[in-house]
Protein backbone atom coordinates (compact mmCIF):
# COMPACT_ATOMS: atom_id res chain seq x y z
CA MET A 1 22.97 13.82 39.94
CA ALA A 2 20.59 11.27 39.20
CA GLN A 3 16.87 12.63 39.44
CA LYS A 4 14.98 10.33 41.72
CA PRO A 5 11.82 8.80 41.14
CA TYR A 6 8.50 10.97 42.61
CA THR A 7 6.04 9.62 45.20
CA ASN A 8 2.40 9.12 43.69
CA ARG A 9 0.85 10.60 47.10
CA ASN A 10 0.29 14.32 46.73
CA PRO A 11 2.33 15.34 49.96
CA TYR A 12 -0.32 18.17 50.50
CA GLU A 13 -3.01 16.09 51.09
CA SER A 14 -2.72 16.16 54.74
CA ARG A 15 0.55 18.15 55.38
CA LEU A 16 -1.23 21.22 54.03
CA VAL A 17 -5.13 21.42 53.82
CA GLY A 18 -5.64 18.77 56.48
CA GLY A 19 -7.41 15.81 54.35
CA ARG A 20 -7.26 12.24 54.73
CA GLY A 21 -4.32 11.18 52.94
CA GLY A 22 -3.11 8.51 50.49
CA ASP A 23 -3.42 7.72 47.07
CA ARG A 24 -5.92 8.99 44.91
CA PRO A 25 -7.18 7.22 41.29
CA TYR A 26 -6.48 10.85 39.89
CA ASP A 27 -3.65 11.91 41.71
CA THR A 28 -0.48 9.41 40.08
CA HIS A 29 2.89 10.41 40.41
CA HIS A 30 2.58 14.39 41.42
CA PRO A 31 5.89 15.70 40.88
CA TYR A 32 6.11 18.53 43.18
CA VAL A 33 7.81 16.83 46.23
CA PRO A 34 10.59 14.57 45.65
CA ARG A 35 10.81 11.17 47.17
CA ASP A 36 13.98 12.41 48.86
CA PRO A 37 13.36 15.98 49.99
CA HIS A 38 17.30 16.49 50.55
CA ASP A 39 17.86 15.70 47.14
CA THR A 40 17.61 19.64 45.34
CA CYS A 41 20.91 20.45 44.57
CA ALA A 42 21.77 20.98 40.71
CA PRO A 43 22.62 18.11 38.45
CA GLY A 44 26.59 18.20 39.25
CA GLY A 45 28.37 17.97 36.15
CA VAL A 46 25.59 18.40 33.96
CA PRO A 47 25.03 21.45 31.86
CA HIS A 48 21.70 23.14 31.42
CA PRO A 49 20.26 22.22 27.78
CA GLY A 50 19.82 25.74 26.62
CA LEU A 51 23.81 26.61 27.69
CA ALA A 52 25.14 23.57 25.89
CA GLY A 53 27.46 24.39 23.29
CA GLY A 54 26.73 28.07 23.39
CA PRO A 55 28.74 31.05 24.90
CA VAL A 56 29.39 31.47 28.66
CA TYR A 57 26.19 32.79 30.13
CA LEU A 58 27.26 35.77 33.03
CA ASP A 59 23.95 37.02 32.66
CA TYR A 60 21.75 35.69 35.42
CA ASN A 61 20.23 39.01 36.92
CA ALA A 62 18.45 39.73 33.29
CA THR A 63 17.15 36.02 33.46
CA THR A 64 17.68 32.50 34.64
CA PRO A 65 17.13 29.76 32.39
CA VAL A 66 13.92 27.38 34.00
CA ASP A 67 15.48 24.44 35.89
CA PRO A 68 14.47 21.18 34.62
CA ARG A 69 13.31 20.70 38.01
CA VAL A 70 10.71 23.13 37.98
CA ALA A 71 9.37 22.38 34.77
CA GLU A 72 9.32 18.59 35.70
CA ALA A 73 7.02 20.07 38.64
CA MET A 74 5.00 22.03 36.27
CA ALA A 75 4.27 20.22 33.52
CA PRO A 76 1.20 17.93 35.13
CA TYR A 77 -0.98 20.74 35.67
CA LEU A 78 -0.60 22.46 32.02
CA THR A 79 -2.19 18.41 31.23
CA ALA A 80 -3.58 15.93 33.21
CA PHE A 81 -4.67 18.14 36.04
CA PHE A 82 -6.37 20.86 34.29
CA GLY A 83 -8.67 21.77 36.31
CA ASN A 84 -10.20 25.13 38.13
CA PRO A 85 -8.70 25.22 41.68
CA SER A 86 -11.68 27.72 42.16
CA SER A 87 -14.32 24.63 41.48
CA GLY A 88 -16.27 22.26 43.32
CA HIS A 89 -15.63 19.18 41.77
CA SER A 90 -13.09 16.45 42.03
CA TYR A 91 -11.52 17.75 38.72
CA ALA A 92 -10.66 20.93 41.06
CA GLU A 93 -8.72 18.99 43.73
CA VAL A 94 -5.33 18.19 42.94
CA PRO A 95 -4.87 21.84 41.29
CA ARG A 96 -6.20 23.51 44.20
CA ARG A 97 -3.81 21.38 47.06
CA ALA A 98 -1.24 22.18 44.54
CA LEU A 99 -1.92 25.87 44.32
CA ALA A 100 -1.69 25.68 48.50
CA GLY A 101 1.30 24.03 48.47
CA ALA A 102 3.25 26.85 46.15
CA ARG A 103 1.87 29.47 48.35
CA ALA A 104 3.63 27.84 51.33
CA GLU A 105 6.98 27.34 49.56
CA VAL A 106 6.80 30.63 48.67
CA ALA A 107 6.11 31.97 51.79
CA GLY A 108 9.11 29.58 53.68
CA LEU A 109 11.52 30.96 51.52
CA ILE A 110 10.89 34.26 52.76
CA GLY A 111 9.82 33.77 56.23
CA ALA A 112 6.08 34.83 55.83
CA ARG A 113 2.60 32.87 56.17
CA SER A 114 0.67 31.16 53.28
CA ASP A 115 -2.02 33.42 53.01
CA GLU A 116 0.36 36.68 53.19
CA ILE A 117 1.49 35.81 49.24
CA VAL A 118 -0.44 37.21 46.39
CA PHE A 119 0.50 35.22 42.73
CA THR A 120 0.74 37.58 39.55
CA ALA A 121 2.18 37.37 36.52
CA SER A 122 5.47 39.40 37.00
CA GLY A 123 6.89 41.11 39.45
CA SER A 124 6.27 44.34 37.70
CA GLU A 125 2.77 44.00 38.54
CA ALA A 126 3.61 43.11 42.02
CA ASP A 127 5.16 46.32 42.63
CA VAL A 128 2.23 48.30 41.31
CA LEU A 129 0.07 45.94 42.93
CA ALA A 130 2.17 47.36 45.88
CA LEU A 131 2.79 51.08 44.98
CA ARG A 132 -0.35 51.62 43.40
CA GLY A 133 -2.14 49.55 45.85
CA ALA A 134 -1.04 51.48 49.05
CA VAL A 135 -1.46 54.86 47.67
CA LEU A 136 -4.67 54.91 46.00
CA ALA A 137 -5.94 52.85 49.63
CA SER A 138 -4.39 55.90 52.07
CA ASP A 139 -6.75 57.91 53.34
CA ARG A 140 -4.43 60.88 52.75
CA ARG A 141 -5.79 63.78 50.04
CA ARG A 142 -2.31 63.87 48.90
CA PRO A 143 -0.25 60.48 49.41
CA HIS A 144 3.28 60.94 49.90
CA LEU A 145 5.31 58.24 48.10
CA ILE A 146 9.44 58.05 48.82
CA THR A 147 11.73 55.59 46.28
CA GLN A 148 15.22 55.99 45.63
CA ALA A 149 16.75 56.61 42.49
CA THR A 150 18.33 53.81 41.42
CA GLU A 151 15.11 51.28 42.22
CA HIS A 152 13.90 48.76 39.17
CA PRO A 153 11.71 51.48 36.27
CA ALA A 154 8.93 49.44 37.50
CA VAL A 155 8.61 51.28 40.67
CA LEU A 156 10.13 54.52 39.22
CA GLU A 157 7.23 54.89 36.44
CA THR A 158 4.53 53.64 38.71
CA ALA A 159 5.79 56.20 41.28
CA ARG A 160 5.46 58.54 38.30
CA ALA A 161 2.49 58.01 36.98
CA LEU A 162 0.80 58.15 40.56
CA GLU A 163 1.91 61.55 40.72
CA ARG A 164 0.43 62.33 37.21
CA LEU A 165 -2.57 60.30 37.63
CA HIS A 166 -3.60 60.53 41.20
CA GLY A 167 -1.90 64.03 42.33
CA ALA A 168 0.18 61.53 44.58
CA ARG A 169 3.38 63.57 45.59
CA VAL A 170 6.93 61.90 45.39
CA THR A 171 10.21 62.08 46.59
CA VAL A 172 13.06 60.15 45.02
CA LEU A 173 15.88 60.03 47.25
CA PRO A 174 19.57 60.28 46.15
CA VAL A 175 22.14 57.27 46.37
CA ASP A 176 26.00 57.57 47.48
CA GLY A 177 28.84 56.60 45.15
CA ALA A 178 27.97 52.20 46.51
CA GLY A 179 24.33 52.99 45.47
CA GLN A 180 23.08 52.75 48.70
CA VAL A 181 20.74 55.07 50.55
CA ASP A 182 21.28 57.01 53.85
CA PRO A 183 18.78 56.50 56.00
CA ALA A 184 18.97 60.10 57.80
CA ALA A 185 17.67 60.89 54.12
CA LEU A 186 14.53 59.03 54.48
CA ALA A 187 14.41 60.14 58.34
CA ALA A 188 14.86 63.76 56.66
CA ALA A 189 12.22 63.28 53.84
CA CYS A 190 9.38 61.62 55.73
CA THR A 191 6.16 64.16 56.12
CA GLU A 192 3.04 63.16 57.63
CA ASP A 193 1.39 62.40 54.84
CA THR A 194 4.34 59.29 53.97
CA VAL A 195 1.94 56.51 52.85
CA LEU A 196 4.69 54.10 51.54
CA VAL A 197 8.67 53.52 51.24
CA SER A 198 9.46 51.74 48.30
CA VAL A 199 13.16 50.53 48.69
CA MET A 200 14.91 47.07 46.34
CA ALA A 201 16.75 44.72 48.26
CA ALA A 202 19.15 44.60 46.13
CA ASN A 203 20.46 46.18 42.80
CA ASN A 204 20.40 44.54 39.43
CA GLU A 205 23.11 46.25 37.87
CA THR A 206 25.48 46.24 40.70
CA GLY A 207 24.16 43.89 43.08
CA ALA A 208 24.40 46.63 45.96
CA LEU A 209 22.19 46.06 49.30
CA GLN A 210 19.96 48.48 50.70
CA PRO A 211 19.86 48.86 54.53
CA VAL A 212 15.99 47.37 54.45
CA ALA A 213 15.68 46.76 58.09
CA GLU A 214 16.93 50.37 59.05
CA LEU A 215 14.41 51.94 56.01
CA ALA A 216 11.64 50.22 57.24
CA ALA A 217 11.93 51.17 61.12
CA LEU A 218 12.02 54.70 59.87
CA ALA A 219 9.13 54.12 57.28
CA HIS A 220 7.26 52.41 60.66
CA ALA A 221 8.42 55.29 62.58
CA HIS A 222 6.33 57.99 60.98
CA GLY A 223 3.71 55.64 60.11
CA ALA A 224 4.41 54.56 56.39
CA LEU A 225 4.19 51.21 55.12
CA PHE A 226 7.40 49.25 53.34
CA HIS A 227 7.51 48.18 50.04
CA CYS A 228 10.92 46.27 49.20
CA ASP A 229 11.47 44.98 45.92
CA ALA A 230 13.27 42.05 46.05
CA ALA A 231 13.30 40.24 42.65
CA GLN A 232 17.27 40.08 42.96
CA ALA A 233 17.35 39.08 46.16
CA ALA A 234 14.82 36.45 47.10
CA GLY A 235 16.54 32.82 46.69
CA ARG A 236 20.20 34.41 46.45
CA ILE A 237 20.37 36.06 49.80
CA PRO A 238 19.00 34.82 53.13
CA LEU A 239 15.35 37.06 53.34
CA ASP A 240 12.82 37.05 56.87
CA VAL A 241 10.34 39.80 56.24
CA ARG A 242 9.61 39.39 60.08
CA ALA A 243 13.13 40.43 60.66
CA LEU A 244 13.71 43.04 58.10
CA GLY A 245 10.36 44.90 58.91
CA ALA A 246 8.66 44.86 55.45
CA ASP A 247 4.82 45.20 54.89
CA LEU A 248 5.19 44.38 51.22
CA VAL A 249 7.48 42.08 48.80
CA THR A 250 8.00 41.25 45.84
CA VAL A 251 9.22 38.06 44.48
CA VAL A 252 10.16 37.23 40.53
CA GLY A 253 10.51 33.80 39.25
CA HIS A 254 12.48 34.00 36.35
CA LYS A 255 15.18 35.39 38.59
CA MET A 256 15.18 32.15 40.45
CA TYR A 257 15.29 29.44 37.76
CA ALA A 258 10.97 29.02 36.78
CA PRO A 259 10.33 30.82 34.29
CA LYS A 260 8.67 33.87 33.07
CA GLY A 261 5.01 34.97 33.86
CA THR A 262 5.16 34.12 37.41
CA ALA A 263 5.94 36.05 40.82
CA ALA A 264 4.62 36.79 44.05
CA LEU A 265 3.65 39.68 46.36
CA TYR A 266 3.70 39.21 50.04
CA VAL A 267 1.33 40.65 51.98
CA ARG A 268 1.52 41.72 55.53
CA ASP A 269 -1.71 40.57 57.36
CA GLY A 270 -3.50 43.81 57.89
CA VAL A 271 -2.04 45.79 55.47
CA ARG A 272 -4.96 47.20 53.23
CA LEU A 273 -4.17 47.63 49.53
CA GLU A 274 -6.75 48.79 46.47
CA PRO A 275 -6.71 45.67 44.04
CA VAL A 276 -5.34 45.72 40.86
CA VAL A 277 -7.42 43.50 39.21
CA HIS A 278 -11.02 43.42 40.20
CA GLY A 279 -13.30 40.35 39.75
CA GLY A 280 -13.67 36.76 41.27
CA GLY A 281 -11.76 37.74 44.37
CA GLN A 282 -8.70 34.88 44.03
CA GLU A 283 -5.92 35.73 45.77
CA ARG A 284 -7.42 37.91 48.50
CA GLY A 285 -9.21 39.69 46.06
CA LEU A 286 -6.57 41.97 45.53
CA ARG A 287 -5.66 40.09 41.66
CA ALA A 288 -8.70 38.40 40.08
CA GLY A 289 -9.01 35.91 37.69
CA THR A 290 -8.51 32.03 37.60
CA GLU A 291 -5.09 31.09 38.74
CA ASN A 292 -2.63 29.42 36.59
CA VAL A 293 -1.61 26.49 38.91
CA ALA A 294 1.65 25.19 36.52
CA LEU A 295 3.08 28.91 37.22
CA ALA A 296 2.57 29.07 41.01
CA VAL A 297 3.81 25.61 41.12
CA ALA A 298 6.63 25.93 39.29
CA LEU A 299 7.34 29.62 41.65
CA GLY A 300 6.86 27.34 44.66
CA ALA A 301 9.54 24.44 42.97
CA ALA A 302 11.65 27.33 42.36
CA ALA A 303 11.72 28.42 46.17
CA ARG A 304 11.96 25.33 47.39
CA ILE A 305 14.80 24.47 45.66
CA ALA A 306 16.08 28.02 46.41
CA ALA A 307 15.97 27.36 49.94
CA ALA A 308 17.89 24.30 49.99
CA GLU A 309 20.92 26.43 48.68
CA LEU A 310 20.79 28.97 50.67
CA ALA A 311 21.03 26.07 53.49
CA ASP A 312 24.18 24.63 52.25
CA GLY A 313 26.28 27.27 51.69
CA THR A 314 25.50 28.14 47.64
CA PRO A 315 25.30 32.12 48.21
CA ALA A 316 29.30 31.66 49.43
CA ARG A 317 30.17 29.38 46.84
CA THR A 318 29.19 31.64 43.83
CA ALA A 319 30.86 34.28 45.60
CA ALA A 320 34.28 32.71 45.47
CA LEU A 321 33.63 31.84 41.63
CA ARG A 322 32.85 35.96 41.15
CA ASP A 323 35.36 37.77 43.03
CA ASP A 324 38.15 34.77 41.52
CA LEU A 325 36.23 36.47 37.67
CA HIS A 326 37.48 39.62 39.41
CA ARG A 327 40.85 38.63 40.18
CA ARG A 328 40.98 37.45 36.53
CA LEU A 329 40.28 40.90 35.23
CA ALA A 330 42.23 42.66 37.41
CA GLU A 331 45.15 40.41 36.65
CA GLY A 332 44.98 40.59 33.34
CA LEU A 333 44.17 44.41 32.70
CA PRO A 334 46.26 45.93 35.63
CA GLY A 335 45.34 49.15 36.52
CA ARG A 336 42.36 49.07 34.05
CA VAL A 337 39.27 47.83 36.32
CA ARG A 338 36.99 49.43 38.49
CA LEU A 339 34.24 48.08 40.72
CA HIS A 340 30.89 49.37 40.57
CA GLY A 341 28.89 48.70 44.11
CA PRO A 342 30.43 48.00 47.68
CA ARG A 343 33.00 45.59 47.89
CA GLU A 344 30.87 43.92 50.36
CA ASP A 345 27.52 44.41 50.78
CA ARG A 346 26.56 43.38 47.39
CA LEU A 347 24.91 40.09 46.49
CA PRO A 348 26.77 36.86 45.82
CA ASN A 349 26.49 36.49 42.42
CA THR A 350 27.06 40.19 40.89
CA LEU A 351 30.29 41.59 39.71
CA ASN A 352 30.05 45.00 37.71
CA VAL A 353 32.99 46.46 36.43
CA GLY A 354 34.26 49.17 34.58
CA ILE A 355 37.26 48.89 31.87
CA GLU A 356 39.03 51.82 31.68
CA ASP A 357 39.66 52.60 27.79
CA ALA A 358 37.25 50.57 26.30
CA LEU A 359 33.30 50.44 25.51
CA GLY A 360 31.41 47.80 27.36
CA HIS A 361 29.42 46.88 24.25
CA GLU A 362 32.35 46.81 22.11
CA LEU A 363 34.08 44.59 24.50
CA LEU A 364 31.31 42.04 24.60
CA ALA A 365 30.87 41.83 20.86
CA ALA A 366 34.39 41.38 20.45
CA ALA A 367 34.53 38.43 22.95
CA GLY A 368 31.77 36.17 21.77
CA ARG A 369 32.40 33.92 24.25
CA VAL A 370 30.96 35.36 26.81
CA ALA A 371 26.79 36.40 27.12
CA ALA A 372 26.88 39.32 29.90
CA ALA A 373 25.40 42.83 30.02
CA THR A 374 27.06 46.09 29.92
CA GLY A 375 26.52 49.62 31.51
CA SER A 376 25.60 51.17 28.90
CA ALA A 377 21.62 51.75 26.93
CA CYS A 378 21.45 51.93 23.10
CA HIS A 379 18.93 54.39 21.76
CA SER A 380 18.58 54.63 17.68
CA GLY A 381 22.39 52.98 17.93
CA ALA A 382 23.77 55.87 20.75
CA HIS A 383 24.83 54.50 23.90
CA THR A 384 24.23 56.47 26.88
CA PRO A 385 25.14 55.70 30.41
CA SER A 386 23.08 53.58 33.13
CA PRO A 387 20.84 55.44 35.19
CA VAL A 388 21.80 53.21 38.09
CA LEU A 389 25.90 53.76 37.34
CA SER A 390 25.04 57.54 36.70
CA ALA A 391 22.80 58.06 40.02
CA MET A 392 25.86 56.89 41.92
CA GLY A 393 27.84 59.81 40.60
CA VAL A 394 30.21 57.60 37.64
CA GLU A 395 31.52 60.11 34.95
CA PRO A 396 29.88 58.97 31.38
CA ALA A 397 33.05 57.63 30.01
CA ARG A 398 33.55 55.33 32.41
CA ALA A 399 29.98 53.82 33.00
CA LEU A 400 30.25 53.57 29.28
CA GLY A 401 32.75 51.06 29.83
CA ALA A 402 31.01 48.94 32.85
CA LEU A 403 30.33 45.60 32.20
CA ARG A 404 27.60 43.13 34.17
CA LEU A 405 28.47 39.90 35.33
CA SER A 406 26.16 37.86 36.75
CA LEU A 407 26.80 34.51 37.92
CA GLY A 408 24.32 31.75 38.38
CA ARG A 409 23.18 27.90 39.59
CA TRP A 410 25.05 26.95 35.94
CA THR A 411 28.12 28.73 36.37
CA THR A 412 31.67 26.47 36.22
CA PRO A 413 35.11 27.22 37.90
CA ALA A 414 35.75 26.35 33.45
CA ASP A 415 33.29 29.31 32.28
CA VAL A 416 34.80 31.99 34.88
CA GLY A 417 38.50 31.03 33.61
CA THR A 418 37.00 31.42 29.66
CA ALA A 419 34.78 34.21 30.09
CA ALA A 420 37.84 36.20 32.16
CA THR A 421 40.13 35.11 28.91
CA ALA A 422 37.68 36.37 26.31
CA LEU A 423 37.07 39.41 27.84
CA VAL A 424 40.59 40.16 28.84
CA ALA A 425 41.63 39.32 25.26
CA ALA A 426 38.92 41.57 23.85
CA ALA A 427 40.05 44.94 26.36
CA ALA A 428 43.72 43.85 25.13
CA PRO A 429 45.79 47.17 23.36
CA ARG A 430 45.91 46.40 19.92
C-alpha cells in the first residue's frame, strides 16, 4: 500500500496541549500522524527491507523489524527537531509536543492516562523500576515479593538481587503443565508483608497467557501492588490496564516494530516508587535524564499502528497462519509434533512445539531457510533445556527438540508453507 502524504500541521498543537493550532515556520512536514488516520495497515505485498531475500523470519518474539512508518515518524527528531523538550525556547516546542503525543499514543494502546506513562530505555529497565521501586518504597522491614517460575530473567534476576542486597523475601510460584499460575497458589503465598506480585501477561517462549485480572484482584485483596510484564502481549492482544487491575505494566518497543532501546512503564496514579535514576526530575521524577524524543515518538507510532491492527482483526489472521503452520508440521511429521503450552489461552502469533527424535538446534541448522528459536540454551557448546519448559514439567529430551516459531506483521501464507516444508524435510528420517 502506498504511503499517503503527511500534513505539515503539528497534530498536537490543539489536540493535546491546548495551543493555538495552525502551522509554524519551524514545524514543517511533521511526520507523526498521517493525513488519513486509517492509513495504518502494513504495506500489502511489500516485503520489509530487512527481510527481503533472507530466510523466513519466525522469531518475532525475540525482536521485530522496525516498521518503516515508525522509522519515518522518528527521523525528524534525530535531525531537525533536536531541542531539549525541557528548554524554554522555540527549539523545545515541537519536541515537547511530540513527547506528549507519543505518551498519549502509548497510553491509548493499554487504556491508561498519558500522565501514567514513564518512558524507559528497555523492558528490563521498566521491570527493575517496577520491582525495585515498589519494594524500596514500601514501609515493610522485610518486604515480600511474589513472582512465578516462567517470568523473564529481568524479573527473576531483579527479585534475586532484591533478596540479596535489600533483605527482601521472594516467593517463586510454580506453573502447571500449560505454563500457567494457579490463582489458589498465589492466595496461599500472600502474607501481610507482601508488597508486590509480578506476573507476566504472556510468556515469550510458549505464548501462554496468565489469568492477570484474577491474580491482580488477589494481590489487591492482600494489600499488595500488581506488576505485569506485557512485553510480549502489548500490541498483539487487547490490553486494558483498568480492566486487568494492574498497578504497573511494562511495554517494550522492539517487540512491536519500534527500535530497540525504547520502552515504557505504566505507573497507576497514586503508586509510590523509588526512582531508578535520580536527577533532574524527568518522567515524573522516576527516571531522570533528558528524554530521547526520537525513540519516544517511535514507540508512540508503533503503539498507534498496533492499536489499529488490534481493531481490524489482525490477531485472528495471525492465529490462522500460526495454526496452519502447526497443521502442516503435524501432517508432515505424523505423531511426532507435541504442542507446548495451552492450545487456546496463548498469543495468536506463537507456536512452541517439540519434534520427537530430533534436536531443535540441529533442525534449524538443517532448515537454513528458517530463522527461529529453539527450546534450549547453548553454554560452551552444550545444550540445556529451556528453564521455561523445565518449569512446565517437560522432560529434558523433549524440551531439547522444541522449536519456538513466532509470526509477525510480515509473515505471509507463502512463508508458512516454505517454513513447514523446510522443517519437515529437516526432521525426516534419513
